[in-house]
């Protein structure tokens, strides 16, 4: 009888933990899906993003000289370690 009682108790605890995890996942995904909690004060204070036109970006890249890196020196070759010897019988 005590084994059955312990089984039902562990199943009940497992189900409640899974339900709590599912609800927390639902709440977190809802926050990410809708961009956070709505806040009327934050909406009025938000700033617009900085947008750079395509012409400005091309002009900036044309002004700079390309960076050329020196070739990376190769690593010295490693010798394989000899196989481990077992003790004589």
C-alpha atoms as a PDB file:
ATOM      1  CA  UNK A   1       0.000   0.000   0.000  1.00  0.00           C
ATOM      2  CA  UNK A   2       2.806   2.426   0.823  1.00  0.00           C
ATOM      3  CA  UNK A   3       4.442   1.789  -2.566  1.00  0.00           C
ATOM      4  CA  UNK A   4       1.275   2.796  -4.403  1.00  0.00           C
ATOM      5  CA  UNK A   5       0.908   5.861  -2.228  1.00  0.00           C
ATOM      6  CA  UNK A   6       4.506   6.921  -2.952  1.00  0.00           C
ATOM      7  CA  UNK A   7       3.954   6.323  -6.667  1.00  0.00           C
ATOM      8  CA  UNK A   8       0.931   8.602  -6.766  1.00  0.00           C
ATOM      9  CA  UNK A   9       2.790  11.242  -4.757  1.00  0.00           C
ATOM     10  CA  UNK A  10       5.769  11.234  -7.133  1.00  0.00           C
ATOM     11  CA  UNK A  11       3.494  11.327 -10.193  1.00  0.00           C
ATOM     12  CA  UNK A  12       1.607  14.273  -8.695  1.00  0.00           C
ATOM     13  CA  UNK A  13       4.833  16.139  -7.989  1.00  0.00           C
ATOM     14  CA  UNK A  14       6.129  15.438 -11.495  1.00  0.00           C
ATOM     15  CA  UNK A  15       2.920  16.631 -13.134  1.00  0.00           C
ATOM     16  CA  UNK A  16       2.931  19.846 -11.110  1.00  0.00           C
ATOM     17  CA  UNK A  17       6.580  20.544 -12.025  1.00  0.00           C
ATOM     18  CA  UNK A  18       5.899  19.939 -15.723  1.00  0.00           C
ATOM     19  CA  UNK A  19       2.828  22.178 -15.594  1.00  0.00           C
ATOM     20  CA  UNK A  20       4.816  24.969 -13.900  1.00  0.00           C
ATOM     21  CA  UNK A  21       7.565  24.691 -16.509  1.00  0.00           C
ATOM     22  CA  UNK A  22       5.047  24.822 -19.365  1.00  0.00           C
ATOM     23  CA  UNK A  23       3.315  27.878 -17.914  1.00  0.00           C
ATOM     24  CA  UNK A  24       6.602  29.710 -17.361  1.00  0.00           C
ATOM     25  CA  UNK A  25       7.668  28.895 -20.925  1.00  0.00           C
ATOM     26  CA  UNK A  26       4.349  30.237 -22.190  1.00  0.00           C
ATOM     27  CA  UNK A  27       4.750  33.462 -20.200  1.00  0.00           C
ATOM     28  CA  UNK A  28       8.348  34.037 -21.350  1.00  0.00           C
ATOM     29  CA  UNK A  29       7.514  33.312 -24.992  1.00  0.00           C
ATOM     30  CA  UNK A  30       4.553  35.710 -24.830  1.00  0.00           C
ATOM     31  CA  UNK A  31       6.830  38.465 -23.507  1.00  0.00           C
ATOM     32  CA  UNK A  32       9.331  37.897 -26.327  1.00  0.00           C
ATOM     33  CA  UNK A  33       6.642  37.546 -28.989  1.00  0.00           C
ATOM     34  CA  UNK A  34       4.964  40.845 -28.144  1.00  0.00           C
ATOM     35  CA  UNK A  35       8.139  42.826 -27.412  1.00  0.00           C
ATOM     36  CA  UNK A  36       7.898  43.033 -23.628  1.00  0.00           C
ATOM     37  CA  UNK A  37       5.255  44.257 -21.221  1.00  0.00           C
ATOM     38  CA  UNK A  38       3.283  47.206 -22.491  1.00  0.00           C
ATOM     39  CA  UNK A  39       4.153  50.440 -20.713  1.00  0.00           C
ATOM     40  CA  UNK A  40       2.451  53.686 -21.817  1.00  0.00           C
ATOM     41  CA  UNK A  41       5.252  55.858 -20.417  1.00  0.00           C
ATOM     42  CA  UNK A  42       7.946  53.925 -22.270  1.00  0.00           C
ATOM     43  CA  UNK A  43       6.101  54.331 -25.582  1.00  0.00           C
ATOM     44  CA  UNK A  44       6.290  58.133 -25.410  1.00  0.00           C
ATOM     45  CA  UNK A  45       9.983  58.163 -24.483  1.00  0.00           C
ATOM     46  CA  UNK A  46      11.196  55.737 -27.158  1.00  0.00           C
ATOM     47  CA  UNK A  47      13.662  57.078 -29.667  1.00  0.00           C
ATOM     48  CA  UNK A  48      13.781  56.194 -33.318  1.00  0.00           C
ATOM     49  CA  UNK A  49      16.650  54.109 -34.646  1.00  0.00           C
ATOM     50  CA  UNK A  50      19.594  55.647 -36.473  1.00  0.00           C
ATOM     51  CA  UNK A  51      19.329  54.878 -40.182  1.00  0.00           C
ATOM     52  CA  UNK A  52      22.314  55.348 -42.499  1.00  0.00           C
ATOM     53  CA  UNK A  53      21.583  55.586 -46.192  1.00  0.00           C
ATOM     54  CA  UNK A  54      23.237  53.259 -48.697  1.00  0.00           C
ATOM     55  CA  UNK A  55      25.140  56.177 -50.294  1.00  0.00           C
ATOM     56  CA  UNK A  56      26.719  57.115 -46.960  1.00  0.00           C
ATOM     57  CA  UNK A  57      27.824  53.554 -46.317  1.00  0.00           C
ATOM     58  CA  UNK A  58      29.475  53.248 -49.733  1.00  0.00           C
ATOM     59  CA  UNK A  59      31.300  56.554 -49.281  1.00  0.00           C
ATOM     60  CA  UNK A  60      32.674  55.443 -45.900  1.00  0.00           C
ATOM     61  CA  UNK A  61      34.002  52.143 -47.202  1.00  0.00           C
ATOM     62  CA  UNK A  62      35.607  53.800 -50.238  1.00  0.00           C
ATOM     63  CA  UNK A  63      37.593  56.207 -48.035  1.00  0.00           C
ATOM     64  CA  UNK A  64      39.317  53.482 -46.017  1.00  0.00           C
ATOM     65  CA  UNK A  65      42.181  51.384 -47.317  1.00  0.00           C
ATOM     66  CA  UNK A  66      41.757  47.624 -46.982  1.00  0.00           C
ATOM     67  CA  UNK A  67      43.488  45.914 -44.073  1.00  0.00           C
ATOM     68  CA  UNK A  68      45.931  43.217 -45.117  1.00  0.00           C
ATOM     69  CA  UNK A  69      47.028  40.710 -42.503  1.00  0.00           C
ATOM     70  CA  UNK A  70      50.341  38.872 -42.584  1.00  0.00           C
ATOM     71  CA  UNK A  71      50.085  35.127 -43.096  1.00  0.00           C
ATOM     72  CA  UNK A  72      49.857  33.141 -39.899  1.00  0.00           C
ATOM     73  CA  UNK A  73      52.980  31.087 -39.142  1.00  0.00           C
ATOM     74  CA  UNK A  74      52.380  27.371 -39.196  1.00  0.00           C
ATOM     75  CA  UNK A  75      52.558  25.435 -35.963  1.00  0.00           C
ATOM     76  CA  UNK A  76      55.471  23.041 -35.507  1.00  0.00           C
ATOM     77  CA  UNK A  77      54.654  19.432 -36.293  1.00  0.00           C
ATOM     78  CA  UNK A  78      53.863  17.325 -33.254  1.00  0.00           C
ATOM     79  CA  UNK A  79      55.328  13.924 -32.887  1.00  0.00           C
ATOM     80  CA  UNK A  80      53.021  11.153 -31.849  1.00  0.00           C
ATOM     81  CA  UNK A  81      53.767   9.783 -28.416  1.00  0.00           C
ATOM     82  CA  UNK A  82      54.876   6.147 -28.333  1.00  0.00           C
ATOM     83  CA  UNK A  83      52.208   3.642 -27.329  1.00  0.00           C
ATOM     84  CA  UNK A  84      52.017   2.846 -23.651  1.00  0.00           C
ATOM     85  CA  UNK A  85      53.798  -0.309 -22.676  1.00  0.00           C
ATOM     86  CA  UNK A  86      52.191  -2.783 -20.395  1.00  0.00           C
ATOM     87  CA  UNK A  87      54.101  -4.302 -17.507  1.00  0.00           C
ATOM     88  CA  UNK A  88      55.683  -7.683 -18.238  1.00  0.00           C
ATOM     89  CA  UNK A  89      53.756 -10.651 -16.852  1.00  0.00           C
END
